[in-house]
């Protein structure tokens, strides 16, 4: 029984699902039917009727017939076929053949989509064709007056164009004929081709307009301005040569002749409408002619500078050579007294070679000037470089001379310093002798001996010939370190010995009542008598601090008071 009920329920469920799916198919059919009706209601025929105002020939006729045939095919065949397809879909749905119905619906929907796209394409192409016709008419109203205005401009300014007037007139006439030919294209229904021709014509007019307006200035430069500038340059160059300026050495005359030939060729090119290359060439030529003017001005200014500077630099060169001879003699004398480092000798030899090079350089400049082989501007440039090199050589000579003079100064300073160090040793020995210490520690005696020996080394080095100041300075530095160490250590020993005596005297007040302190003080006294002042001070202070924590501070205060009294 349960199986029977289950089977009945399953059949009912399947029937419900089938009815729902069939309902969806019906709804889809209704939507496609509505879409089909919308397509049929699109007024394509009226849209195509707009074309009838154009000339239905050539390209326009071909397009019109294609669009009309396409629309007729849609209305008479494609859409009726779709009606049959939709009826078939409903029949399939009635038989619950849902999958097959869906496939047929998808096919119909794709066909409707394609029809919509085709109609949109027809509308766009119709609009494009109508726009082309409208655009062409508008541009003709603009282009015609433009050509007339250019012809008028050419006529009123014909003197500025020379033989090029014929070229520009011919080009304008050709453009007029091209403009007239668009009528044939329109009459033949070729509106797209007419639009393309109008666009080409507009660009040609723009280019020609640019050429016509830029031509007079370029032509005037080629025919008048630059030739006159070349003539003026020649006149100035001739006058400058008569005044002694070396113009010929620049080679400008060859350039000017070349420019004259180029100008003649440029005039011919301009008259044939070749504007672009001519404009660039004339600009380059103009820049170069201005450069020549500047160079001639510099040549004129350089002449007086060269004439004034040559004698002065000749004198300066002689002075440099004299100064070098004096320096060379002084070096020779110094080498008998002092040892001169190889690096310094190399520096001196480089100065000698440098001077020889400058002498040769100046001789070449003088020869160029006297033989007139080069222009004043070039000579001035070489003089400027020569003067810069001379200044550097003078600096090098001054630097080397200063180093040489430092040898004598260093010797004097070294002698003064060693005397100062010896005096320091004597003073410290006197302080040791005056002090009440029982004896001098052996370490201090060793330092004294070392310091004395190192001072002797310095004195011996100062007696050598030739005198090696580098060696003297090294030994002097060693002696100074040793003497300073001896002075520092001696001062420390004397300070320690003095503090030991004060500490013992300070501790004596506690000796009777503190036997342990008394024993430590005796130990400190024994160390003091054996010249061990640092150890004695440490034992005494540590023992007293057991009784008086402020002992060290009080001992130092007593020492300061003692020092003030002695001072």
Foldseek 3Di string as FASTA:
>chain_A
DVVVVVVVVVVVVVVVVLVVLLVVLVVLLVVLVVLLVVLVPPPLVVLLVVLVVFQCADPNVVLSVVLVVLVCCCVPPVSVVLVVLSVVLNVCSVVSVNVVSVVSSVVSVVVSVVSVVSSVVSNVVSVVLVVLVVVLVVLLVVLVVLLVVLLVVCVVPVVLQPLLSVVLVVLSVVLVVLNVCLVVCRNNVNSVVSSVSSVVSVVSSVVSVVLSVVLSVLLCCLPPVVVVLLVVVVVVLVVCVVVVFLSVQVVVVVVSVVVNVVSVVLNVCSSNVNPPVSVVVSVVVVVVSVVSVVVVVLLVVLVVVCVVVLVVVVVVLVVVVVLLVVVVVVVVVLLFAAPDDPVLVVLNVVLVVLSVVLVVLSVVLVCCVVVVNHGSNVSSVSVVVSVVSSVVSVVSSVVSVVVSVVVVVLLVVLVVLLVVLVVLLVVLVVVVVPAPQLDADPVLVVLSVVLVVLSVVLVVLSPDTNRYSVVNVVSSVVSVVSSVVSSVVSVVLRVLLVLLVLLLVVCVVCCVVDVVLVVLNVVLVVCRNVSNSVVSNVSSQVSVCVVPVCSVVVSVVVVVVVVVVVD
